[in-house]
């Protein structure tokens, strides 16, 4: 395998700001970490975050707990995934300082850090005994660390798996295999699909590198495809990539949810919760919402590993994490918020106040040793931990890769590239154009990116 080349970091600001967005303990702060609070008394911080259910729970609990204990007011800006990525990229790239803390991911951390947009958090984490950095799951921690320096702390971590309605499967006389293949999933979807009622499966079709291409790239991987080979030759219209994409489009067209071309994570979560679909392949973090008190499908969901074709596993690896803007003048207060929001203490607060199924899990080993959590999350806890532990960003397919990543390629240009191609894929799902035409055009764009690395 040829030696891996690092991304040319000068391109990061341009690529990330342009289209990165169109996409998937104690309160005591430690010392150090680069830049304290200029005022000496930071009484408020600005936090921008994605509008996922776990973040909405956090917003609900902050004032009566974190603010009451510390006196630090948290001003939240909450937006849908595509929008929040754009706003964060713009503010952090400009170092405008509008936001002190933002939800970023293991995709953004490497080049945000390399461009100097993030404040290092190692000293804070090591100086905060109650936070317990050693408790963070190793695959999650590794994705938020660059050259030994911590640049973000996870709020929750996830892989992907297949969720299915056990009651509907039983009524139909169907059995989910222990390790399903994608062809088996397609066959099950066809058998259980009711075009006038519950559809066979939900798969994201909404444009965006973090929307449709999050699950789709894992399908490409296990079908034997890849975005780039080890020599930085684009493979977007290679037979394996085309076959995987055509399979995905056909499956969601024939047996998928209504309005699939505009369905992302939130829409599929709603469809699964409301009984509109019998299966859903997506993030492991969705299980907590499906099993929450008041969910119409709680106790009726089974969890199977991410479907495969040519690989042993195919689940992705992702974390929504807290990053601190380097330009923030309130880094000490920002750390206090992060230390609380990502702590064992916060998980226990969610468990006692909102229910243990809603804990933002997938980040700490201790979560999977907490009997209160396991008593409620037993249906999906082991499957989640196994999926995260088995995900390998350095070897997610059948061939060597020039850059790490499972559901993404860890280069700044990927967000722009994949988002552009995803527009065509969504159109294909809506019945417009052909997959081959979409990927032929995508190949040209992908090779233009790859040529920068040769």
Protein backbone atom coordinates (compact mmCIF):
# COMPACT_ATOMS: atom_id res chain seq x y z
CA UNK A 1 0.00 0.00 0.00
CA UNK A 2 1.30 3.44 -0.86
CA UNK A 3 2.04 5.89 1.90
CA UNK A 4 -0.95 7.98 2.90
CA UNK A 5 -0.75 11.68 2.19
CA UNK A 6 -2.30 14.26 4.45
CA UNK A 7 -4.93 16.55 2.97
CA UNK A 8 -3.63 19.91 1.81
CA UNK A 9 -4.96 21.96 4.69
CA UNK A 10 -5.14 25.19 2.77
CA UNK A 11 -8.14 23.73 0.97
CA UNK A 12 -10.04 23.00 4.16
CA UNK A 13 -11.49 26.43 4.76
CA UNK A 14 -12.67 26.81 1.19
CA UNK A 15 -14.24 23.36 0.92
CA UNK A 16 -15.72 23.20 4.38
CA UNK A 17 -17.34 26.62 4.41
CA UNK A 18 -18.73 26.22 0.93
CA UNK A 19 -20.68 23.02 1.41
CA UNK A 20 -19.63 21.21 4.56
CA UNK A 21 -23.14 21.72 5.73
CA UNK A 22 -25.20 20.12 3.11
CA UNK A 23 -25.21 16.84 4.73
CA UNK A 24 -25.08 12.84 8.75
CA UNK A 25 -19.21 14.35 36.10
CA UNK A 26 -18.45 17.46 37.52
CA UNK A 27 -18.80 20.96 36.41
CA UNK A 28 -15.33 21.85 37.65
CA UNK A 29 -13.02 22.88 34.85
CA UNK A 30 -9.42 21.81 34.68
CA UNK A 31 -6.53 24.14 34.06
CA UNK A 32 -4.86 25.16 30.86
CA UNK A 33 -6.25 24.51 27.42
CA UNK A 34 -5.26 27.70 25.67
CA UNK A 35 -7.06 30.92 26.44
CA UNK A 36 -9.10 31.59 29.53
CA UNK A 37 -12.11 33.80 30.00
CA UNK A 38 -11.21 37.35 29.11
CA UNK A 39 -13.80 38.75 31.49
CA UNK A 40 -12.67 36.52 34.34
CA UNK A 41 -16.29 35.79 35.13
CA UNK A 42 -17.92 34.17 32.12
CA UNK A 43 -21.59 34.29 33.00
CA UNK A 44 -22.93 33.01 29.69
CA UNK A 45 -21.79 30.96 26.71
CA UNK A 46 -23.26 30.48 23.25
CA UNK A 47 -23.74 26.89 22.10
CA UNK A 48 -24.84 25.87 18.61
CA UNK A 49 -26.02 22.31 18.12
CA UNK A 50 -27.95 19.97 15.86
CA UNK A 51 -31.62 19.42 16.65
CA UNK A 52 -31.41 15.70 17.39
CA UNK A 53 -33.56 14.35 20.26
CA UNK A 54 -30.60 14.01 22.64
CA UNK A 55 -29.74 17.69 22.20
CA UNK A 56 -33.35 18.70 22.77
CA UNK A 57 -33.24 16.81 26.07
CA UNK A 58 -30.05 18.67 26.98
CA UNK A 59 -31.68 22.00 26.25
CA UNK A 60 -34.54 21.04 28.56
CA UNK A 61 -32.26 20.08 31.47
CA UNK A 62 -29.57 22.75 31.35
CA UNK A 63 -31.12 25.70 33.18
CA UNK A 64 -32.35 23.79 36.24
CA UNK A 65 -29.14 21.82 36.61
CA UNK A 66 -25.99 23.18 35.00
CA UNK A 67 -26.91 26.85 35.24
CA UNK A 68 -28.36 26.45 38.72
CA UNK A 69 -25.10 24.82 39.90
CA UNK A 70 -22.59 27.05 38.12
CA UNK A 71 -24.34 30.34 37.42
CA UNK A 72 -23.34 30.01 33.75
CA UNK A 73 -26.22 30.72 31.39
CA UNK A 74 -26.21 28.72 28.16
CA UNK A 75 -27.69 30.37 25.06
CA UNK A 76 -28.59 27.61 22.62
CA UNK A 77 -28.93 27.86 18.86
CA UNK A 78 -30.55 24.64 17.60
CA UNK A 79 -30.84 23.86 13.87
CA UNK A 80 -31.39 20.90 11.51
CA UNK A 81 -28.25 19.00 10.55
CA UNK A 82 -27.66 20.52 7.13
CA UNK A 83 -28.19 24.06 8.42
CA UNK A 84 -26.14 23.69 11.57
CA UNK A 85 -23.12 22.34 9.68
CA UNK A 86 -23.12 25.41 7.43
CA UNK A 87 -23.40 27.85 10.32
CA UNK A 88 -20.67 26.15 12.35
CA UNK A 89 -18.29 25.92 9.40
CA UNK A 90 -18.77 29.58 8.57
CA UNK A 91 -18.31 30.84 12.14
CA UNK A 92 -15.35 28.63 13.02
CA UNK A 93 -13.54 29.21 9.73
CA UNK A 94 -13.82 32.96 10.20
CA UNK A 95 -13.00 32.65 13.92
CA UNK A 96 -15.81 35.11 14.44
CA UNK A 97 -16.35 33.94 17.99
CA UNK A 98 -20.14 34.08 17.78
CA UNK A 99 -20.33 30.57 19.24
CA UNK A 100 -18.17 29.29 22.06
CA UNK A 101 -19.17 25.63 21.71
CA UNK A 102 -20.52 23.67 18.74
CA UNK A 103 -21.58 20.14 17.93
CA UNK A 104 -19.03 18.81 15.46
CA UNK A 105 -18.07 15.27 14.56
CA UNK A 106 -15.14 12.97 13.97
CA UNK A 107 -15.33 14.05 10.33
CA UNK A 108 -14.62 17.73 10.99
CA UNK A 109 -12.20 17.42 13.91
CA UNK A 110 -8.99 16.59 11.99
CA UNK A 111 -9.05 19.57 9.62
CA UNK A 112 -10.79 21.98 12.00
CA UNK A 113 -7.92 21.27 14.40
CA UNK A 114 -5.22 21.49 11.74
CA UNK A 115 -6.57 24.86 10.61
CA UNK A 116 -6.44 26.22 14.15
CA UNK A 117 -10.19 26.61 14.51
CA UNK A 118 -10.51 24.50 17.69
CA UNK A 119 -9.12 25.06 21.17
CA UNK A 120 -7.23 22.00 22.47
CA UNK A 121 -8.96 20.32 25.40
CA UNK A 122 -6.30 17.92 26.65
CA UNK A 123 -5.27 19.99 29.66
CA UNK A 124 -8.88 20.55 30.62
CA UNK A 125 -9.72 16.85 30.38
CA UNK A 126 -6.62 15.72 32.26
CA UNK A 127 -7.14 18.35 34.94
CA UNK A 128 -10.78 17.42 35.54
CA UNK A 129 -10.78 14.30 37.73
CA UNK A 130 -14.55 13.99 37.69
CA UNK A 131 -14.71 13.90 33.89
CA UNK A 132 -12.65 10.67 33.60
CA UNK A 133 -11.26 10.73 30.07
CA UNK A 134 -10.19 7.09 30.40
CA UNK A 135 -13.87 6.09 30.46
CA UNK A 136 -14.45 7.33 26.89
CA UNK A 137 -14.71 4.42 24.43
CA UNK A 138 -11.44 4.14 22.54
CA UNK A 139 -12.82 4.23 18.95
CA UNK A 140 -14.79 7.36 19.80
CA UNK A 141 -11.90 9.09 21.60
CA UNK A 142 -9.49 8.29 18.76
CA UNK A 143 -11.67 10.07 16.23
CA UNK A 144 -11.64 13.26 18.29
CA UNK A 145 -7.88 13.30 18.89
CA UNK A 146 -5.23 14.66 16.53
CA UNK A 147 -1.53 13.98 17.09
CA UNK A 148 -2.21 13.11 20.72
CA UNK A 149 -4.21 16.29 21.42
CA UNK A 150 -7.90 16.12 22.35
CA UNK A 151 -9.96 18.60 20.33
CA UNK A 152 -13.52 17.52 21.12
CA UNK A 153 -15.44 15.48 23.67
CA UNK A 154 -18.33 13.23 22.67
CA UNK A 155 -21.92 13.93 23.66
CA UNK A 156 -22.89 10.60 22.20
CA UNK A 157 -21.39 8.05 19.86
CA UNK A 158 -22.94 5.75 17.33
CA UNK A 159 -22.49 3.10 14.74
CA UNK A 160 -25.28 1.78 12.53
CA UNK A 161 -27.53 -1.26 12.65
CA UNK A 162 -30.79 -2.61 11.30
CA UNK A 163 -33.93 -1.98 13.35
CA UNK A 164 -37.06 -4.02 12.67
CA UNK A 165 -40.55 -4.60 14.06
CA UNK A 166 -40.48 -7.96 15.81
CA UNK A 167 -44.27 -8.06 16.12
CA UNK A 168 -44.80 -7.53 12.40
CA UNK A 169 -42.14 -10.10 11.55
CA UNK A 170 -43.84 -12.61 13.82
CA UNK A 171 -47.25 -11.95 12.29
CA UNK A 172 -45.78 -12.45 8.81
CA UNK A 173 -43.86 -15.58 9.81
CA UNK A 174 -40.53 -13.96 8.99
CA UNK A 175 -37.20 -14.34 10.81
CA UNK A 176 -34.37 -11.84 10.82
CA UNK A 177 -30.99 -13.58 10.29
CA UNK A 178 -28.36 -13.12 12.99
CA UNK A 179 -26.08 -11.42 10.42
CA UNK A 180 -28.30 -10.33 7.53
CA UNK A 181 -27.05 -9.70 4.04
CA UNK A 182 -28.43 -6.85 2.00
CA UNK A 183 -30.12 -9.30 -0.37
CA UNK A 184 -31.85 -10.95 2.58
CA UNK A 185 -32.98 -7.53 3.77
CA UNK A 186 -34.37 -6.72 0.33
CA UNK A 187 -36.25 -10.03 0.28
CA UNK A 188 -37.68 -9.38 3.74
CA UNK A 189 -38.71 -5.87 2.73
CA UNK A 190 -40.56 -7.25 -0.28
CA UNK A 191 -42.38 -9.85 1.81
CA UNK A 192 -43.50 -7.52 4.59
CA UNK A 193 -44.22 -4.45 2.47
CA UNK A 194 -47.81 -3.20 2.38
CA UNK A 195 -47.99 -0.36 -0.18
CA UNK A 196 -51.24 0.86 1.37
CA UNK A 197 -49.97 0.58 4.95
CA UNK A 198 -46.65 -0.25 6.58
CA UNK A 199 -43.83 -0.08 4.05
CA UNK A 200 -40.96 -2.55 4.05
CA UNK A 201 -38.01 -0.32 4.98
CA UNK A 202 -36.89 3.25 5.59
CA UNK A 203 -33.61 4.44 4.05
CA UNK A 204 -32.41 8.03 3.93
CA UNK A 205 -32.87 9.76 0.58
CA UNK A 206 -32.39 13.39 1.60
CA UNK A 207 -29.48 15.08 -0.17
CA UNK A 208 -26.34 15.64 1.88
CA UNK A 209 -23.05 13.91 2.62
CA UNK A 210 -24.30 13.25 6.16
CA UNK A 211 -27.79 12.29 5.02
CA UNK A 212 -28.27 9.86 2.12
CA UNK A 213 -24.55 9.16 1.77
CA UNK A 214 -24.13 8.13 5.42
CA UNK A 215 -25.97 4.81 4.98
CA UNK A 216 -25.29 4.57 1.25
CA UNK A 217 -21.50 4.71 1.59
CA UNK A 218 -21.61 1.78 4.03
CA UNK A 219 -23.58 -0.14 1.39
CA UNK A 220 -20.96 0.79 -1.21
CA UNK A 221 -18.20 -0.44 1.12
CA UNK A 222 -19.73 -3.85 1.69
CA UNK A 223 -20.61 -4.30 -2.00
CA UNK A 224 -16.88 -3.97 -2.67
CA UNK A 225 -16.81 -0.34 -3.76
CA UNK A 226 -14.90 2.70 -2.56
CA UNK A 227 -14.75 6.42 -3.30
CA UNK A 228 -11.01 6.29 -4.03
CA UNK A 229 -8.47 3.51 -4.37
CA UNK A 230 -5.14 3.62 -2.57
CA UNK A 231 -3.51 5.53 -5.43
CA UNK A 232 -6.09 8.33 -5.32
CA UNK A 233 -7.92 7.16 -8.42
CA UNK A 234 -11.65 7.89 -8.15
CA UNK A 235 -13.94 4.86 -8.23
CA UNK A 236 -17.36 6.53 -8.16
CA UNK A 237 -18.58 4.99 -11.42
CA UNK A 238 -16.78 1.67 -10.93
CA UNK A 239 -19.08 -1.37 -11.24
CA UNK A 240 -19.19 -2.04 -7.49
CA UNK A 241 -20.14 1.54 -6.63
CA UNK A 242 -22.81 1.56 -9.33
CA UNK A 243 -24.21 -1.81 -8.27
CA UNK A 244 -24.47 -0.76 -4.62
CA UNK A 245 -26.11 2.56 -5.44
CA UNK A 246 -28.56 0.99 -7.88
CA UNK A 247 -29.46 -1.60 -5.24
CA UNK A 248 -30.10 1.13 -2.67
CA UNK A 249 -32.20 3.24 -5.04
CA UNK A 250 -34.23 0.23 -6.21
CA UNK A 251 -34.88 -0.93 -2.66
CA UNK A 252 -36.13 2.41 -1.39
CA UNK A 253 -38.17 3.02 -4.57
CA UNK A 254 -39.88 -0.37 -4.44
CA UNK A 255 -40.36 -0.91 -0.72
CA UNK A 256 -39.33 2.31 1.03
CA UNK A 257 -41.09 5.12 2.83
CA UNK A 258 -43.30 7.75 1.28
CA UNK A 259 -41.38 10.84 0.21
CA UNK A 260 -38.08 8.97 0.40
CA UNK A 261 -36.17 11.53 -1.68
CA UNK A 262 -36.66 14.08 1.11
CA UNK A 263 -36.39 11.71 4.08
CA UNK A 264 -33.40 12.02 6.41
CA UNK A 265 -32.71 10.71 9.90
CA UNK A 266 -35.54 12.66 11.52
CA UNK A 267 -38.14 11.62 8.97
CA UNK A 268 -37.18 7.94 9.20
CA UNK A 269 -37.24 8.12 12.99
CA UNK A 270 -40.76 9.48 12.81
CA UNK A 271 -41.80 6.83 10.29
CA UNK A 272 -40.44 4.02 12.45
CA UNK A 273 -41.96 5.44 15.63
CA UNK A 274 -45.38 5.90 14.03
CA UNK A 275 -45.44 2.40 12.57
CA UNK A 276 -45.15 3.50 8.95
CA UNK A 277 -42.21 1.18 8.18
CA UNK A 278 -41.21 -2.33 9.27
CA UNK A 279 -37.41 -1.90 9.06
CA UNK A 280 -34.93 0.93 9.24
CA UNK A 281 -31.17 0.88 8.66
CA UNK A 282 -29.58 3.84 10.42
CA UNK A 283 -27.75 5.12 13.50
CA UNK A 284 -27.61 3.08 16.69
CA UNK A 285 -28.46 6.27 18.59
CA UNK A 286 -32.01 6.06 17.25
CA UNK A 287 -32.80 3.12 19.51
CA UNK A 288 -33.13 5.28 22.61
CA UNK A 289 -35.94 7.28 21.00
CA UNK A 290 -37.69 4.18 19.72
CA UNK A 291 -37.65 2.60 23.19
CA UNK A 292 -38.47 5.80 25.12
CA UNK A 293 -41.48 6.02 27.41
CA UNK A 294 -44.48 6.91 25.30
CA UNK A 295 -43.05 5.54 22.06
CA UNK A 296 -45.80 3.57 20.27
CA UNK A 297 -43.26 0.93 19.23
CA UNK A 298 -41.31 0.56 22.50
CA UNK A 299 -40.62 -3.11 23.20
CA UNK A 300 -41.49 -4.11 19.64
CA UNK A 301 -38.12 -3.45 17.98
CA UNK A 302 -35.37 -5.93 17.24
CA UNK A 303 -31.78 -4.96 16.44
CA UNK A 304 -29.54 -6.73 13.92
CA UNK A 305 -26.00 -5.90 12.75
CA UNK A 306 -25.53 -3.66 9.73
CA UNK A 307 -26.23 -5.80 6.63
CA UNK A 308 -23.24 -7.06 4.67
CA UNK A 309 -22.31 -8.45 1.27
CA UNK A 310 -18.55 -8.94 0.95
CA UNK A 311 -17.32 -7.62 4.31
CA UNK A 312 -17.66 -9.10 7.80
CA UNK A 313 -19.24 -5.91 9.15
CA UNK A 314 -20.38 -2.62 7.68
CA UNK A 315 -21.51 -0.32 10.49
CA UNK A 316 -20.31 3.25 10.47
CA UNK A 317 -18.54 5.17 13.27
CA UNK A 318 -19.68 8.63 14.26
CA UNK A 319 -19.93 10.91 17.23
CA UNK A 320 -21.64 14.19 17.85
CA UNK A 321 -19.11 15.96 20.00
CA UNK A 322 -18.44 19.31 21.63
CA UNK A 323 -15.73 21.51 20.14
CA UNK A 324 -14.63 24.89 21.52
CA UNK A 325 -13.86 27.67 19.08
CA UNK A 326 -10.26 28.81 19.36
CA UNK A 327 -11.43 32.43 19.24
CA UNK A 328 -13.75 31.98 22.21
CA UNK A 329 -12.94 34.21 25.18
CA UNK A 330 -14.92 31.93 27.48
CA UNK A 331 -13.05 28.65 27.19
CA UNK A 332 -13.08 27.88 30.92
CA UNK A 333 -16.86 28.22 31.06
CA UNK A 334 -17.14 26.29 27.80
CA UNK A 335 -15.20 23.40 29.36
CA UNK A 336 -17.44 23.43 32.43
CA UNK A 337 -20.44 22.98 30.14
CA UNK A 338 -18.75 20.20 28.14
CA UNK A 339 -17.57 18.43 31.28
CA UNK A 340 -21.15 18.38 32.57
CA UNK A 341 -22.92 17.57 29.29
CA UNK A 342 -20.59 14.62 28.48
CA UNK A 343 -20.33 13.25 32.02
CA UNK A 344 -21.59 10.18 33.82
CA UNK A 345 -23.46 12.59 36.07
CA UNK A 346 -25.42 13.93 33.10
CA UNK A 347 -26.29 10.43 31.93
CA UNK A 348 -27.65 9.68 35.41
CA UNK A 349 -29.65 12.92 35.32
CA UNK A 350 -31.25 11.97 32.00
CA UNK A 351 -31.98 8.50 33.33
CA UNK A 352 -33.71 9.75 36.46
CA UNK A 353 -35.51 12.72 34.90
CA UNK A 354 -36.40 11.55 31.39
CA UNK A 355 -35.87 7.79 31.33
CA UNK A 356 -32.82 5.60 30.87
CA UNK A 357 -33.58 4.80 27.24
CA UNK A 358 -32.94 8.47 26.42
CA UNK A 359 -29.39 8.56 27.81
CA UNK A 360 -26.92 9.90 25.18
CA UNK A 361 -24.94 6.69 25.11
CA UNK A 362 -22.24 5.22 22.89
CA UNK A 363 -19.36 7.17 24.42
CA UNK A 364 -18.51 5.76 27.89
CA UNK A 365 -17.59 2.24 28.98
CA UNK A 366 -19.34 2.85 32.30
CA UNK A 367 -22.68 3.26 30.53
CA UNK A 368 -22.59 -0.40 29.58
CA UNK A 369 -21.89 -1.39 33.17
CA UNK A 370 -24.75 0.68 34.60
CA UNK A 371 -27.50 -1.73 35.57
CA UNK A 372 -30.17 0.98 35.57
CA UNK A 373 -29.34 1.67 31.94
CA UNK A 374 -29.08 -1.99 31.00
CA UNK A 375 -32.43 -2.80 32.59
CA UNK A 376 -34.10 -0.43 30.12
CA UNK A 377 -31.73 -0.50 27.16
CA UNK A 378 -31.01 -4.22 27.21
CA UNK A 379 -32.61 -4.72 23.82
CA UNK A 380 -30.05 -2.53 22.07
CA UNK A 381 -27.18 -1.81 24.49
CA UNK A 382 -25.03 -4.80 23.56
CA UNK A 383 -25.77 -4.39 19.86
CA UNK A 384 -24.73 -0.75 20.04
CA UNK A 385 -21.48 -1.37 21.90
CA UNK A 386 -20.59 -4.25 19.56
CA UNK A 387 -21.25 -2.13 16.48
CA UNK A 388 -19.07 0.72 17.75
CA UNK A 389 -16.26 -1.60 18.81
CA UNK A 390 -16.22 -3.48 15.50
CA UNK A 391 -16.15 -0.38 13.30
CA UNK A 392 -12.76 0.14 11.68
CA UNK A 393 -12.30 3.50 9.92
CA UNK A 394 -8.92 2.41 8.55
CA UNK A 395 -10.20 -0.76 6.87
CA UNK A 396 -13.94 -0.49 6.12
CA UNK A 397 -14.03 -2.30 2.78
CA UNK A 398 -12.34 -4.90 0.65
CA UNK A 399 -9.43 -2.78 -0.58
CA UNK A 400 -6.84 -0.36 0.89
CA UNK A 401 -7.96 3.26 1.15
CA UNK A 402 -5.87 6.44 0.88
CA UNK A 403 -7.64 8.11 3.83
CA UNK A 404 -9.61 6.82 6.83
CA UNK A 405 -13.38 6.91 7.22
CA UNK A 406 -16.32 4.54 6.91
CA UNK A 407 -19.39 6.56 5.89
CA UNK A 408 -17.16 9.41 4.77
CA UNK A 409 -13.65 9.99 3.46
CA UNK A 410 -11.66 12.04 5.95
CA UNK A 411 -10.63 14.86 3.64
CA UNK A 412 -12.08 18.39 3.69
CA UNK A 413 -13.32 18.19 0.12
CA UNK A 414 -15.53 15.18 0.77
CA UNK A 415 -18.46 17.20 2.14
CA UNK A 416 -18.68 19.30 -1.01
CA UNK A 417 -18.09 16.35 -3.33
CA UNK A 418 -20.55 13.93 -1.75
CA UNK A 419 -23.23 16.57 -1.29
CA UNK A 420 -23.09 17.44 -4.96
CA UNK A 421 -23.45 13.81 -6.03
CA UNK A 422 -26.18 13.23 -3.44
CA UNK A 423 -28.43 15.70 -5.23
CA UNK A 424 -28.41 13.34 -8.20
CA UNK A 425 -29.00 10.28 -6.03
CA UNK A 426 -32.04 11.91 -4.43
CA UNK A 427 -33.35 12.73 -7.89
CA UNK A 428 -32.81 9.10 -8.91
CA UNK A 429 -34.80 7.96 -5.87
CA UNK A 430 -37.57 10.34 -6.99
CA UNK A 431 -37.56 8.64 -10.39
CA UNK A 432 -35.57 11.23 -12.30
CA UNK A 433 -32.51 10.33 -14.35
CA UNK A 434 -30.34 7.25 -13.98
CA UNK A 435 -27.86 6.12 -11.36
CA UNK A 436 -25.25 5.53 -14.05
CA UNK A 437 -25.54 9.12 -15.30
CA UNK A 438 -25.33 10.48 -11.76
CA UNK A 439 -22.21 8.50 -10.96
CA UNK A 440 -20.54 9.18 -14.30
CA UNK A 441 -20.78 12.90 -13.55
CA UNK A 442 -19.70 12.22 -9.96
CA UNK A 443 -16.64 10.39 -11.22
CA UNK A 444 -15.39 13.54 -12.94
CA UNK A 445 -15.86 15.57 -9.77
CA UNK A 446 -14.24 12.90 -7.60
CA UNK A 447 -11.20 12.62 -9.85
CA UNK A 448 -10.74 16.39 -9.76
CA UNK A 449 -10.53 16.11 -5.97
CA UNK A 450 -8.27 13.07 -6.10
CA UNK A 451 -5.81 14.77 -8.45
CA UNK A 452 -4.97 17.25 -5.67
CA UNK A 453 -3.55 14.38 -3.62
CA UNK A 454 -1.50 12.62 -6.28
